[in-house]
N, C-alpha and C. Protein backbone atom coordinates (compact mmCIF):
# COMPACT_ATOMS: atom_id res chain seq x y z
N MET A 1 -26.36 -0.12 -0.98
CA MET A 1 -25.96 -0.13 -2.29
C MET A 1 -24.94 -1.48 -2.54
N PRO A 2 -25.21 -2.03 -3.71
CA PRO A 2 -23.90 -3.26 -3.87
C PRO A 2 -22.77 -2.59 -4.05
N TRP A 3 -21.67 -3.22 -3.60
CA TRP A 3 -20.22 -3.00 -3.83
C TRP A 3 -19.73 -2.63 -5.19
N PRO A 4 -20.23 -3.56 -6.17
CA PRO A 4 -19.92 -3.18 -7.55
C PRO A 4 -20.39 -2.05 -8.02
N ASP A 5 -21.71 -1.60 -7.72
CA ASP A 5 -22.39 -0.19 -7.91
C ASP A 5 -21.47 1.08 -7.44
N ILE A 6 -20.78 0.60 -6.26
CA ILE A 6 -19.97 1.84 -5.89
C ILE A 6 -18.63 1.99 -6.30
N VAL A 7 -18.09 0.87 -6.86
CA VAL A 7 -16.69 0.64 -7.52
C VAL A 7 -17.03 1.44 -9.04
N ARG A 8 -18.28 1.24 -9.57
CA ARG A 8 -18.23 1.64 -10.99
C ARG A 8 -18.67 3.31 -10.77
N PHE A 9 -19.54 3.58 -9.71
CA PHE A 9 -19.73 5.16 -9.59
C PHE A 9 -18.31 6.18 -9.34
N VAL A 10 -17.49 5.37 -8.56
CA VAL A 10 -16.03 5.94 -7.74
C VAL A 10 -15.28 6.05 -9.19
N ARG A 11 -15.14 5.04 -10.18
CA ARG A 11 -14.28 4.95 -11.17
C ARG A 11 -14.95 5.86 -12.48
N GLN A 12 -16.23 6.17 -12.42
CA GLN A 12 -16.69 7.07 -13.55
C GLN A 12 -16.40 8.42 -12.93
N LEU A 13 -16.63 8.87 -11.70
CA LEU A 13 -16.50 10.10 -11.10
C LEU A 13 -14.93 10.32 -11.19
N SER A 14 -14.04 9.68 -10.72
CA SER A 14 -12.64 9.87 -11.15
C SER A 14 -12.35 10.12 -12.31
N HIS A 15 -12.64 9.26 -13.62
CA HIS A 15 -12.44 9.35 -14.85
C HIS A 15 -12.93 10.96 -15.21
N ASP A 16 -13.90 11.25 -14.69
CA ASP A 16 -14.46 12.41 -15.39
C ASP A 16 -13.66 13.79 -14.64
N ILE A 17 -13.04 13.83 -13.39
CA ILE A 17 -12.42 14.82 -12.64
C ILE A 17 -11.21 14.86 -13.67
N ARG A 18 -10.53 13.57 -13.67
CA ARG A 18 -9.34 13.73 -14.34
C ARG A 18 -9.36 14.15 -15.65
N ASN A 19 -10.25 13.93 -16.53
CA ASN A 19 -10.49 14.62 -17.97
C ASN A 19 -10.52 16.08 -17.85
N ASN A 20 -11.11 16.54 -16.78
CA ASN A 20 -11.31 18.04 -16.55
C ASN A 20 -10.03 18.86 -15.99
N LEU A 21 -9.41 17.52 -15.36
CA LEU A 21 -7.89 18.28 -14.76
C LEU A 21 -6.97 18.33 -15.91
N ASN A 22 -7.01 17.33 -16.70
CA ASN A 22 -6.22 17.27 -17.98
C ASN A 22 -6.33 18.40 -18.93
N ALA A 23 -7.87 19.13 -19.02
CA ALA A 23 -8.23 20.17 -19.82
C ALA A 23 -7.37 21.35 -19.16
N ALA A 24 -7.52 21.54 -17.89
CA ALA A 24 -7.12 22.66 -16.98
C ALA A 24 -5.69 22.77 -17.19
N GLU A 25 -4.78 21.35 -17.28
CA GLU A 25 -3.31 21.43 -17.43
C GLU A 25 -2.96 22.13 -18.66
N LEU A 26 -3.82 21.63 -19.90
CA LEU A 26 -3.43 22.21 -20.94
C LEU A 26 -3.67 23.77 -21.10
N GLN A 27 -4.54 24.21 -20.50
CA GLN A 27 -4.84 25.62 -20.62
C GLN A 27 -3.97 26.22 -19.70
N SER A 28 -3.42 26.01 -18.74
CA SER A 28 -2.44 26.25 -17.72
C SER A 28 -1.06 26.37 -18.72
N ALA A 29 -0.80 25.17 -19.24
CA ALA A 29 0.41 25.37 -20.40
C ALA A 29 0.42 26.41 -21.23
N TYR A 30 -0.80 26.71 -21.86
CA TYR A 30 -1.00 27.71 -22.73
C TYR A 30 -0.77 29.15 -22.37
N ILE A 31 -1.24 29.14 -20.97
CA ILE A 31 -1.13 30.35 -20.52
C ILE A 31 0.36 30.96 -20.13
N VAL A 32 1.01 29.99 -19.63
CA VAL A 32 2.47 29.97 -19.51
C VAL A 32 3.00 30.55 -20.59
N GLU A 33 2.79 30.15 -21.95
CA GLU A 33 3.27 30.58 -23.06
C GLU A 33 2.89 31.99 -23.43
N LEU A 34 1.85 32.66 -22.99
CA LEU A 34 1.32 33.83 -23.08
C LEU A 34 1.96 34.91 -22.42
N THR A 35 2.68 34.51 -21.30
CA THR A 35 3.35 35.55 -20.08
C THR A 35 4.71 35.33 -20.16
N LYS A 36 5.53 36.34 -19.74
CA LYS A 36 6.84 36.34 -19.65
C LYS A 36 7.19 36.81 -18.21
N GLU A 37 6.17 37.02 -17.59
CA GLU A 37 6.48 37.40 -15.99
C GLU A 37 6.65 36.11 -15.27
N GLU A 38 8.12 36.29 -14.75
CA GLU A 38 8.59 34.79 -13.92
C GLU A 38 7.86 34.46 -12.73
N GLU A 39 6.93 35.61 -11.80
CA GLU A 39 6.48 35.41 -10.97
C GLU A 39 5.27 34.51 -11.13
N LEU A 40 4.55 35.22 -12.53
CA LEU A 40 3.21 34.56 -12.83
C LEU A 40 3.28 33.00 -13.31
N GLN A 41 4.42 32.87 -13.92
CA GLN A 41 5.07 31.55 -14.58
C GLN A 41 5.07 30.72 -13.23
N SER A 42 5.74 31.20 -12.14
CA SER A 42 6.11 30.18 -11.00
C SER A 42 4.90 29.81 -10.34
N GLU A 43 3.56 30.83 -10.06
CA GLU A 43 2.37 30.59 -9.80
C GLU A 43 1.72 29.52 -10.48
N ILE A 44 1.82 29.69 -11.71
CA ILE A 44 0.89 28.77 -12.64
C ILE A 44 1.51 27.58 -12.52
N GLN A 45 2.97 27.50 -12.51
CA GLN A 45 3.52 25.90 -12.19
C GLN A 45 3.05 25.17 -10.92
N ARG A 46 2.78 26.24 -9.93
CA ARG A 46 2.47 25.78 -8.55
C ARG A 46 1.03 25.01 -8.95
N LEU A 47 0.23 25.68 -9.71
CA LEU A 47 -0.98 25.21 -9.39
C LEU A 47 -1.09 24.09 -10.40
N ARG A 48 -0.18 23.83 -11.62
CA ARG A 48 0.06 22.43 -12.32
C ARG A 48 0.42 21.44 -11.47
N GLU A 49 1.30 21.77 -10.27
CA GLU A 49 1.71 20.58 -9.65
C GLU A 49 0.78 20.15 -8.56
N MET A 50 -0.21 21.29 -8.08
CA MET A 50 -1.60 20.76 -7.48
C MET A 50 -2.42 20.17 -8.13
N MET A 51 -2.70 20.39 -9.29
CA MET A 51 -3.56 19.65 -9.95
C MET A 51 -2.95 18.06 -10.41
N GLY A 52 -1.58 18.10 -10.35
CA GLY A 52 -1.05 16.57 -10.53
C GLY A 52 -1.14 15.74 -9.25
N GLU A 53 -1.04 16.55 -8.26
CA GLU A 53 -1.40 15.79 -6.98
C GLU A 53 -2.66 15.31 -6.98
N ILE A 54 -3.57 16.05 -7.48
CA ILE A 54 -5.17 15.64 -7.26
C ILE A 54 -5.28 14.45 -8.23
N GLY A 55 -4.79 14.26 -9.51
CA GLY A 55 -4.91 13.43 -10.35
C GLY A 55 -4.28 12.25 -9.74
N THR A 56 -2.96 12.22 -9.02
CA THR A 56 -2.48 11.06 -8.49
C THR A 56 -3.26 10.54 -7.15
N SER A 57 -3.87 11.17 -6.58
CA SER A 57 -4.78 10.75 -5.48
C SER A 57 -5.83 10.20 -6.14
N LEU A 58 -6.53 10.62 -7.09
CA LEU A 58 -7.61 9.81 -7.78
C LEU A 58 -7.28 8.74 -8.35
N GLN A 59 -6.10 8.49 -8.82
CA GLN A 59 -5.57 7.27 -9.35
C GLN A 59 -5.30 6.37 -8.33
N ARG A 60 -4.98 6.70 -7.07
CA ARG A 60 -4.74 5.87 -6.02
C ARG A 60 -5.88 5.04 -5.66
N LEU A 61 -6.87 5.97 -5.76
CA LEU A 61 -7.93 5.71 -5.36
C LEU A 61 -8.73 4.58 -6.14
N THR A 62 -8.79 4.85 -7.51
CA THR A 62 -9.58 3.94 -8.58
C THR A 62 -8.74 2.67 -8.27
N THR A 63 -7.41 2.64 -8.20
CA THR A 63 -6.35 1.57 -8.07
C THR A 63 -6.72 0.44 -6.93
N GLY A 64 -7.07 1.34 -5.76
CA GLY A 64 -7.51 0.59 -4.46
C GLY A 64 -9.02 -0.09 -4.70
N LEU A 65 -9.74 0.41 -5.59
CA LEU A 65 -10.97 -0.33 -6.06
C LEU A 65 -10.74 -1.49 -7.23
N GLY A 66 -9.57 -1.57 -7.97
CA GLY A 66 -9.66 -2.24 -9.17
C GLY A 66 -9.53 -3.81 -8.70
N GLN A 67 -9.71 -4.34 -9.71
CA GLN A 67 -9.74 -5.88 -9.72
C GLN A 67 -8.44 -6.47 -9.51
N ILE A 68 -8.25 -7.66 -8.95
CA ILE A 68 -6.79 -8.38 -8.91
C ILE A 68 -6.75 -9.11 -9.89
N SER A 69 -5.66 -9.03 -10.83
CA SER A 69 -5.16 -10.08 -11.93
C SER A 69 -4.01 -10.44 -11.71
N PRO A 70 -3.32 -11.15 -10.82
CA PRO A 70 -2.18 -11.32 -10.85
C PRO A 70 -1.53 -12.34 -11.85
N SER A 71 -0.17 -11.91 -12.40
CA SER A 71 0.63 -12.37 -13.25
C SER A 71 1.58 -13.31 -12.34
N PHE A 72 1.48 -14.74 -12.39
CA PHE A 72 2.43 -15.19 -11.45
C PHE A 72 3.63 -15.91 -12.38
N MET A 73 4.81 -15.93 -11.53
CA MET A 73 5.96 -16.21 -11.85
C MET A 73 6.82 -16.94 -10.95
N PRO A 74 7.82 -17.61 -11.01
CA PRO A 74 8.82 -18.06 -10.05
C PRO A 74 9.39 -16.88 -9.70
N TYR A 75 9.71 -16.65 -8.19
CA TYR A 75 10.48 -15.78 -7.82
C TYR A 75 11.03 -15.98 -6.21
N ARG A 76 12.38 -15.70 -6.12
CA ARG A 76 12.90 -16.10 -4.87
C ARG A 76 12.34 -15.29 -3.89
N ALA A 77 12.00 -15.84 -2.69
CA ALA A 77 11.44 -15.10 -1.68
C ALA A 77 12.42 -14.21 -1.02
N ALA A 78 13.87 -14.51 -0.85
CA ALA A 78 14.92 -13.66 -0.67
C ALA A 78 14.76 -11.97 -1.45
N ASP A 79 14.82 -12.37 -2.70
CA ASP A 79 14.65 -11.23 -3.63
C ASP A 79 13.51 -10.57 -3.48
N LEU A 80 12.31 -10.97 -3.28
CA LEU A 80 10.95 -10.09 -2.71
C LEU A 80 11.46 -9.48 -1.72
N ILE A 81 11.89 -9.90 -0.57
CA ILE A 81 12.18 -9.27 0.78
C ILE A 81 12.87 -8.02 0.50
N GLU A 82 14.09 -8.17 -0.53
CA GLU A 82 14.81 -7.30 -0.61
C GLU A 82 14.23 -6.15 -1.55
N ASP A 83 13.33 -6.70 -2.53
CA ASP A 83 12.55 -5.59 -3.18
C ASP A 83 12.00 -4.62 -2.38
N VAL A 84 11.25 -5.41 -1.21
CA VAL A 84 10.36 -4.54 -0.22
C VAL A 84 11.32 -3.64 0.17
N GLN A 85 12.40 -3.97 0.79
CA GLN A 85 13.21 -3.30 1.59
C GLN A 85 13.67 -2.02 1.34
N GLN A 86 14.20 -2.06 -0.27
CA GLN A 86 14.44 -1.16 -1.10
C GLN A 86 13.43 -0.04 -1.22
N LYS A 87 12.35 -0.41 -1.60
CA LYS A 87 11.17 0.30 -1.70
C LYS A 87 10.70 1.10 -0.51
N VAL A 88 11.00 0.45 0.95
CA VAL A 88 10.41 1.01 1.86
C VAL A 88 11.46 2.15 2.12
N ALA A 89 12.59 1.66 2.02
CA ALA A 89 13.85 3.08 2.14
C ALA A 89 13.66 4.12 1.19
N LYS A 90 13.07 4.00 -0.07
CA LYS A 90 12.67 5.11 -0.89
C LYS A 90 11.81 5.62 -0.66
N ASP A 91 10.51 4.99 -0.15
CA ASP A 91 9.15 5.70 0.11
C ASP A 91 9.09 6.38 1.43
N PHE A 92 9.91 5.63 2.35
CA PHE A 92 9.94 6.28 3.69
C PHE A 92 11.34 6.49 4.46
N PRO A 93 12.04 7.20 3.70
CA PRO A 93 13.57 7.56 4.22
C PRO A 93 13.70 7.73 5.48
N ASP A 94 12.64 8.46 6.22
CA ASP A 94 12.89 8.85 7.78
C ASP A 94 12.59 7.76 8.54
N ASN A 95 11.52 6.99 8.38
CA ASN A 95 11.13 6.03 9.11
C ASN A 95 11.80 4.38 8.79
N ALA A 96 12.48 4.27 7.52
CA ALA A 96 12.75 2.95 7.18
C ALA A 96 13.80 2.40 8.17
N PRO A 97 14.79 3.52 8.83
CA PRO A 97 15.96 2.84 9.57
C PRO A 97 15.03 2.05 11.16
N LYS A 98 13.80 2.49 11.23
CA LYS A 98 13.01 2.04 12.48
C LYS A 98 12.68 0.60 12.48
N ILE A 99 12.80 0.04 11.17
CA ILE A 99 12.10 -1.41 11.04
C ILE A 99 13.36 -2.47 11.38
N LYS A 100 13.41 -3.07 12.30
CA LYS A 100 14.51 -4.27 12.33
C LYS A 100 14.10 -5.29 11.57
N TRP A 101 14.56 -5.79 10.66
CA TRP A 101 14.46 -7.05 10.02
C TRP A 101 15.08 -8.35 10.27
N GLN A 102 14.35 -9.31 10.28
CA GLN A 102 15.01 -10.89 10.76
C GLN A 102 14.59 -11.60 9.44
N VAL A 103 15.23 -11.89 8.47
CA VAL A 103 14.88 -12.44 7.32
C VAL A 103 15.89 -13.94 7.26
N ASN A 104 14.77 -14.97 7.29
CA ASN A 104 15.43 -16.36 7.30
C ASN A 104 14.91 -17.25 6.10
N VAL A 105 14.95 -17.05 5.16
CA VAL A 105 14.28 -17.92 4.16
C VAL A 105 14.82 -18.65 3.19
N GLY A 106 16.34 -18.54 3.30
CA GLY A 106 17.26 -19.52 2.23
C GLY A 106 16.85 -19.17 1.08
N ASP A 107 17.03 -20.22 0.21
CA ASP A 107 16.70 -20.38 -1.31
C ASP A 107 15.29 -20.44 -1.67
N THR A 108 14.40 -20.35 -0.70
CA THR A 108 12.81 -20.78 -1.15
C THR A 108 12.50 -19.68 -2.12
N GLU A 109 11.77 -20.69 -2.82
CA GLU A 109 10.99 -19.85 -4.18
C GLU A 109 9.68 -19.89 -4.17
N LEU A 110 8.99 -18.77 -4.53
CA LEU A 110 7.49 -18.49 -4.53
C LEU A 110 6.95 -18.63 -6.03
N GLU A 111 5.92 -18.57 -6.14
CA GLU A 111 4.99 -18.49 -7.52
C GLU A 111 3.90 -17.42 -7.43
N ILE A 112 4.44 -16.03 -7.67
CA ILE A 112 3.75 -14.96 -7.23
C ILE A 112 3.75 -14.00 -8.44
N ASP A 113 3.00 -12.83 -8.10
CA ASP A 113 3.17 -11.49 -8.75
C ASP A 113 3.95 -10.55 -8.04
N PRO A 114 4.92 -10.42 -8.13
CA PRO A 114 6.38 -9.80 -7.17
C PRO A 114 5.70 -8.52 -7.05
N GLN A 115 5.12 -7.69 -8.01
CA GLN A 115 4.99 -6.35 -8.18
C GLN A 115 3.61 -6.03 -7.24
N LEU A 116 2.41 -6.80 -7.10
CA LEU A 116 1.29 -6.89 -6.59
C LEU A 116 1.93 -7.19 -5.00
N LEU A 117 2.58 -8.34 -4.87
CA LEU A 117 2.79 -8.57 -3.26
C LEU A 117 3.69 -7.47 -2.69
N GLN A 118 4.54 -7.00 -3.66
CA GLN A 118 5.36 -5.77 -2.94
C GLN A 118 4.67 -4.80 -2.70
N GLN A 119 3.40 -4.31 -3.34
CA GLN A 119 2.41 -3.36 -2.87
C GLN A 119 1.85 -3.89 -1.60
N THR A 120 1.74 -4.93 -1.37
CA THR A 120 1.14 -5.35 -0.11
C THR A 120 1.88 -5.02 1.02
N PHE A 121 3.04 -5.47 1.05
CA PHE A 121 4.09 -5.38 2.05
C PHE A 121 4.27 -3.93 2.39
N ILE A 122 4.47 -2.97 1.11
CA ILE A 122 4.51 -1.61 1.61
C ILE A 122 3.21 -1.01 2.23
N GLU A 123 2.04 -1.62 1.94
CA GLU A 123 0.77 -0.86 2.49
C GLU A 123 0.74 -1.24 3.98
N LEU A 124 1.25 -2.57 4.46
CA LEU A 124 1.36 -2.82 5.81
C LEU A 124 2.32 -1.82 6.61
N VAL A 125 3.42 -1.61 5.84
CA VAL A 125 4.32 -0.76 6.38
C VAL A 125 3.76 0.67 6.79
N ARG A 126 3.04 1.04 5.50
CA ARG A 126 2.79 2.39 5.43
C ARG A 126 1.64 2.82 6.43
N ASN A 127 0.86 1.62 6.95
CA ASN A 127 -0.14 1.78 8.11
C ASN A 127 0.66 1.84 9.04
N ALA A 128 1.60 0.94 9.43
CA ALA A 128 2.50 1.19 10.68
C ALA A 128 2.79 2.64 10.78
N PHE A 129 3.43 3.29 9.85
CA PHE A 129 4.08 4.40 10.03
C PHE A 129 2.81 5.52 10.13
N GLN A 130 1.88 5.39 9.33
CA GLN A 130 0.71 6.58 9.38
C GLN A 130 0.12 6.75 10.47
N HIS A 131 -0.20 5.60 11.32
CA HIS A 131 -1.11 5.46 12.35
C HIS A 131 -0.25 5.86 13.86
N GLU A 132 0.93 5.53 13.61
CA GLU A 132 1.73 5.87 14.73
C GLU A 132 2.85 6.44 14.84
N THR A 133 2.68 8.19 14.62
CA THR A 133 3.80 8.92 14.18
C THR A 133 5.15 8.78 15.13
N LYS A 134 4.98 8.36 16.27
CA LYS A 134 6.06 8.55 17.41
C LYS A 134 6.61 6.97 17.69
N VAL A 135 6.26 6.21 16.58
CA VAL A 135 6.69 4.88 16.84
C VAL A 135 8.55 4.63 16.67
N SER A 136 9.09 4.07 17.56
CA SER A 136 10.74 4.14 17.70
C SER A 136 11.20 2.96 16.90
N SER A 137 10.48 1.65 16.93
CA SER A 137 11.05 0.52 16.28
C SER A 137 9.76 -0.55 15.77
N ILE A 138 9.96 -1.05 14.83
CA ILE A 138 9.15 -2.06 14.26
C ILE A 138 9.97 -3.14 14.01
N GLU A 139 9.32 -4.16 14.17
CA GLU A 139 9.96 -5.49 14.09
C GLU A 139 9.59 -6.19 12.93
N ALA A 140 10.01 -6.72 11.80
CA ALA A 140 9.77 -7.37 10.76
C ALA A 140 10.40 -8.83 10.37
N LYS A 141 9.66 -9.71 10.71
CA LYS A 141 10.48 -10.98 10.88
C LYS A 141 9.88 -11.95 9.54
N VAL A 142 10.47 -12.57 8.90
CA VAL A 142 10.33 -13.45 7.79
C VAL A 142 10.84 -14.83 7.78
N ASP A 143 9.99 -15.87 7.83
CA ASP A 143 10.81 -17.33 8.02
C ASP A 143 9.81 -18.20 7.08
N VAL A 144 10.33 -19.28 7.01
CA VAL A 144 9.60 -20.52 6.30
C VAL A 144 9.24 -21.54 7.18
N GLU A 145 7.87 -21.91 7.43
CA GLU A 145 7.54 -22.57 8.30
C GLU A 145 6.32 -23.75 7.49
N GLN A 146 6.58 -24.69 7.83
CA GLN A 146 5.54 -25.80 7.35
C GLN A 146 5.12 -25.38 6.01
N GLY A 147 6.02 -25.28 4.72
CA GLY A 147 5.65 -25.21 3.68
C GLY A 147 5.01 -23.61 3.19
N ARG A 148 5.30 -22.72 4.13
CA ARG A 148 4.97 -21.46 4.28
C ARG A 148 5.76 -20.28 4.44
N LEU A 149 5.66 -19.48 3.55
CA LEU A 149 6.50 -18.07 3.66
C LEU A 149 5.70 -17.15 4.93
N VAL A 150 6.10 -17.28 5.83
CA VAL A 150 5.40 -16.15 7.21
C VAL A 150 6.15 -14.86 7.44
N PHE A 151 5.43 -13.92 7.11
CA PHE A 151 5.88 -12.49 7.43
C PHE A 151 5.07 -11.92 8.59
N ARG A 152 5.89 -11.72 9.67
CA ARG A 152 5.12 -11.21 10.61
C ARG A 152 5.71 -9.72 10.91
N LEU A 153 4.89 -8.73 11.23
CA LEU A 153 4.89 -7.28 11.58
C LEU A 153 4.58 -7.00 12.93
N ARG A 154 5.48 -6.80 13.72
CA ARG A 154 4.96 -6.32 15.13
C ARG A 154 5.48 -4.68 15.72
N GLU A 155 4.14 -4.02 15.74
CA GLU A 155 4.35 -2.58 15.77
C GLU A 155 3.75 -2.31 17.28
N PRO A 156 4.25 -1.17 17.78
CA PRO A 156 3.67 -0.65 18.93
C PRO A 156 2.75 0.26 18.82
N LYS A 157 1.70 0.11 19.55
CA LYS A 157 0.41 1.01 19.40
C LYS A 157 -0.06 1.54 20.54
N ALA A 158 0.40 2.90 20.87
CA ALA A 158 -0.17 3.46 22.25
C ALA A 158 -1.48 3.56 22.46
N LYS A 159 -2.14 3.87 21.40
CA LYS A 159 -3.75 4.08 21.11
C LYS A 159 -4.21 3.09 20.28
N PHE A 160 -5.05 2.42 20.45
CA PHE A 160 -5.56 1.43 19.36
C PHE A 160 -6.88 0.90 19.41
N GLU A 161 -7.63 1.60 18.84
CA GLU A 161 -9.30 1.53 19.27
C GLU A 161 -9.97 0.92 18.28
N ARG A 162 -9.42 0.41 16.95
CA ARG A 162 -10.06 -0.46 16.01
C ARG A 162 -10.15 -1.86 16.48
N SER A 163 -11.48 -2.35 15.70
CA SER A 163 -11.48 -3.72 15.88
C SER A 163 -10.82 -4.53 14.78
N ILE A 164 -10.23 -5.70 15.14
CA ILE A 164 -9.65 -6.71 14.18
C ILE A 164 -10.32 -7.71 13.75
N GLU A 165 -11.90 -7.67 14.32
CA GLU A 165 -12.58 -9.13 13.96
C GLU A 165 -12.66 -9.13 12.41
N HIS A 166 -12.89 -8.12 11.82
CA HIS A 166 -13.17 -8.13 10.34
C HIS A 166 -11.76 -7.37 9.66
N TRP A 167 -10.76 -7.65 10.14
CA TRP A 167 -9.45 -6.97 9.58
C TRP A 167 -9.09 -7.04 8.04
N GLY A 168 -9.23 -6.15 7.57
CA GLY A 168 -8.93 -6.06 5.81
C GLY A 168 -10.09 -6.36 5.17
N HIS A 169 -11.32 -6.46 5.76
CA HIS A 169 -12.80 -6.90 5.20
C HIS A 169 -13.57 -5.63 5.18
N GLU A 170 -13.18 -4.42 5.45
CA GLU A 170 -14.00 -3.01 5.71
C GLU A 170 -13.48 -2.08 4.87
N PRO A 171 -13.68 -2.15 3.68
CA PRO A 171 -13.09 -0.96 2.76
C PRO A 171 -14.20 0.37 2.92
N LEU A 172 -13.55 1.57 3.30
CA LEU A 172 -14.28 2.70 3.09
C LEU A 172 -14.53 3.10 4.67
N CYS A 173 -13.90 2.30 5.07
CA CYS A 173 -14.61 2.42 6.69
C CYS A 173 -13.67 3.06 7.67
N ASN A 174 -12.58 3.33 7.21
CA ASN A 174 -11.44 3.88 8.37
C ASN A 174 -10.80 4.84 7.30
N VAL A 175 -11.44 6.28 7.42
CA VAL A 175 -11.12 7.28 6.26
C VAL A 175 -10.57 8.40 6.89
N GLY A 176 -9.65 9.16 5.99
CA GLY A 176 -8.94 10.27 6.81
C GLY A 176 -8.42 11.11 5.62
N GLN A 177 -7.77 12.33 5.89
CA GLN A 177 -7.08 12.99 4.75
C GLN A 177 -6.31 12.30 3.84
N GLY A 178 -6.53 12.19 2.78
CA GLY A 178 -5.84 11.33 1.80
C GLY A 178 -5.92 9.93 2.09
N ARG A 179 -6.58 9.44 2.91
CA ARG A 179 -6.71 7.96 3.11
C ARG A 179 -8.10 7.51 2.85
N TYR A 180 -8.57 6.38 2.41
CA TYR A 180 -10.07 6.05 1.96
C TYR A 180 -10.18 4.78 2.63
N GLY A 181 -9.49 4.12 3.31
CA GLY A 181 -10.02 2.81 3.95
C GLY A 181 -9.82 1.79 2.84
N LEU A 182 -8.97 1.77 1.80
CA LEU A 182 -8.80 0.91 0.63
C LEU A 182 -7.69 -0.26 0.74
N GLY A 183 -6.54 0.90 1.47
CA GLY A 183 -5.39 -0.19 1.29
C GLY A 183 -5.34 -1.56 2.00
N LEU A 184 -5.84 -1.66 2.96
CA LEU A 184 -5.71 -2.93 3.82
C LEU A 184 -6.59 -3.95 2.99
N ASN A 185 -7.68 -3.51 2.74
CA ASN A 185 -8.74 -4.47 1.89
C ASN A 185 -7.86 -5.01 0.60
N ARG A 186 -7.29 -4.29 -0.04
CA ARG A 186 -6.63 -4.08 -1.44
C ARG A 186 -5.41 -5.54 -1.12
N ALA A 187 -4.98 -5.34 0.17
CA ALA A 187 -3.57 -6.19 0.66
C ALA A 187 -4.20 -7.51 0.92
N ARG A 188 -5.28 -7.55 1.59
CA ARG A 188 -6.01 -8.64 1.67
C ARG A 188 -6.30 -9.66 0.76
N VAL A 189 -7.13 -8.88 -0.44
CA VAL A 189 -7.34 -9.55 -1.68
C VAL A 189 -6.23 -9.79 -2.34
N ILE A 190 -5.22 -9.40 -2.46
CA ILE A 190 -3.84 -9.73 -3.14
C ILE A 190 -3.34 -10.99 -2.33
N ILE A 191 -3.19 -11.03 -1.16
CA ILE A 191 -2.68 -12.03 -0.39
C ILE A 191 -3.42 -13.34 -0.92
N GLU A 192 -4.87 -13.23 -0.53
CA GLU A 192 -5.72 -14.30 -0.80
C GLU A 192 -5.85 -14.89 -2.37
N ALA A 193 -5.60 -13.99 -3.39
CA ALA A 193 -5.26 -14.29 -4.32
C ALA A 193 -4.09 -15.24 -4.95
N HIS A 194 -3.09 -15.10 -3.73
CA HIS A 194 -1.83 -15.82 -3.86
C HIS A 194 -1.96 -17.31 -2.74
N GLY A 195 -3.03 -17.40 -2.48
CA GLY A 195 -3.34 -18.82 -1.90
C GLY A 195 -3.03 -18.18 -0.18
N GLY A 196 -2.85 -17.14 0.21
CA GLY A 196 -2.35 -16.89 1.27
C GLY A 196 -3.28 -16.14 2.22
N ASP A 197 -2.98 -15.77 3.30
CA ASP A 197 -4.03 -15.41 4.32
C ASP A 197 -3.42 -14.26 5.36
N LEU A 198 -4.52 -13.07 5.73
CA LEU A 198 -3.94 -12.06 6.64
C LEU A 198 -4.69 -12.15 7.84
N ARG A 199 -3.79 -12.05 8.89
CA ARG A 199 -4.29 -12.09 10.34
C ARG A 199 -3.77 -11.06 11.17
N ALA A 200 -4.43 -10.66 12.02
CA ALA A 200 -3.81 -9.67 12.83
C ALA A 200 -4.49 -9.75 14.41
N GLU A 201 -3.62 -9.47 15.32
CA GLU A 201 -4.21 -9.69 16.57
C GLU A 201 -3.50 -8.70 17.52
N PHE A 202 -4.15 -7.80 18.51
CA PHE A 202 -3.74 -6.91 19.42
C PHE A 202 -3.35 -7.29 20.74
N ASP A 203 -2.03 -7.08 21.16
CA ASP A 203 -1.95 -7.43 22.76
C ASP A 203 -2.23 -6.19 23.60
N ARG A 204 -3.21 -6.20 24.15
CA ARG A 204 -3.42 -4.94 24.74
C ARG A 204 -2.80 -4.73 26.12
N GLY A 205 -2.22 -5.81 26.78
CA GLY A 205 -1.03 -5.41 27.62
C GLY A 205 -0.03 -4.95 27.59
N ASP A 206 0.57 -5.36 26.31
CA ASP A 206 1.70 -4.62 25.97
C ASP A 206 1.64 -3.51 24.95
N SER A 207 0.46 -3.49 24.35
CA SER A 207 0.14 -2.07 23.19
C SER A 207 0.89 -2.45 22.03
N ILE A 208 0.75 -4.06 21.70
CA ILE A 208 1.44 -4.37 20.32
C ILE A 208 0.43 -5.08 19.41
N LEU A 209 0.58 -4.54 18.06
CA LEU A 209 -0.33 -5.10 17.09
C LEU A 209 0.45 -6.09 16.30
N ARG A 210 0.38 -7.16 16.33
CA ARG A 210 0.79 -8.30 15.38
C ARG A 210 0.21 -8.53 14.10
N THR A 211 0.80 -8.28 13.00
CA THR A 211 0.08 -8.48 11.79
C THR A 211 1.27 -9.93 10.96
N THR A 212 0.42 -10.84 10.70
CA THR A 212 1.03 -12.07 10.13
C THR A 212 0.25 -12.25 8.72
N VAL A 213 1.47 -12.19 7.67
CA VAL A 213 0.80 -12.89 6.43
C VAL A 213 1.58 -14.11 6.14
N SER A 214 0.71 -15.04 5.85
CA SER A 214 1.21 -16.29 5.19
C SER A 214 1.08 -16.75 3.81
N LEU A 215 2.09 -17.02 3.03
CA LEU A 215 1.91 -17.47 1.95
C LEU A 215 2.40 -18.72 1.43
N PRO A 216 1.92 -19.65 0.50
CA PRO A 216 2.17 -20.76 -0.03
C PRO A 216 3.67 -20.66 -0.55
N ILE A 217 4.62 -21.51 -0.57
CA ILE A 217 6.02 -21.79 -1.15
C ILE A 217 5.78 -22.66 -2.54
N SER A 218 6.63 -22.51 -3.25
CA SER A 218 6.42 -23.40 -4.53
C SER A 218 6.65 -24.76 -4.04
N ARG A 219 5.97 -25.84 -4.85
CA ARG A 219 5.82 -27.06 -4.25
C ARG A 219 7.18 -27.79 -4.78
N GLU A 220 7.99 -27.27 -5.22
CA GLU A 220 9.35 -27.79 -5.62
C GLU A 220 10.07 -27.80 -4.49
N HIS A 221 9.74 -26.50 -3.61
CA HIS A 221 10.68 -26.24 -2.40
C HIS A 221 10.03 -26.74 -0.93
N LYS A 222 9.14 -27.40 -1.18
CA LYS A 222 8.39 -27.87 0.16
C LYS A 222 9.29 -28.97 0.66
């Protein structure tokens, strides 16, 4: 089946399910107004929260399938990395201290969509934490090399059986509970929309996965 047909089907299915969830949310809110029993109100609130989580999961799914339309603007590389660090600390409070950052970008400026690129780097970090629960340290290094911003992520992988031949080009292939195999593909699409590239290599001897993102910097700063 062609990919556009799959995307269209999933979007429509998600839309229909979310409509039903919204109707159920309204109905549960009405039921709360009909009862004064605190225990029942508490259980209904839990039900509403569960429906909200389903809606959020569907939204993530449709976002992962969505078209990329960057809104480019001048943005300092140092500010982008700081944004990413703050977002990582907020989203992964237990694991964020495990990342050892080395940032050497000076006053380099980029022409980017900062929100989309932030999502990309967060996705790479999320993958590192998600697939290696006992990781003790991850190295994140950011430099400027030959007119490019180069972000390198070095993460230990005790068990790594995936192929990196088509890294970021296989949506819906690596799925699991709450994961649909779309994040890495979306990250690659965003990076390429910025004129960059995403590469990965696995060192089996040291059990290290190295992910590299390369992005062009603004012409004025080359």
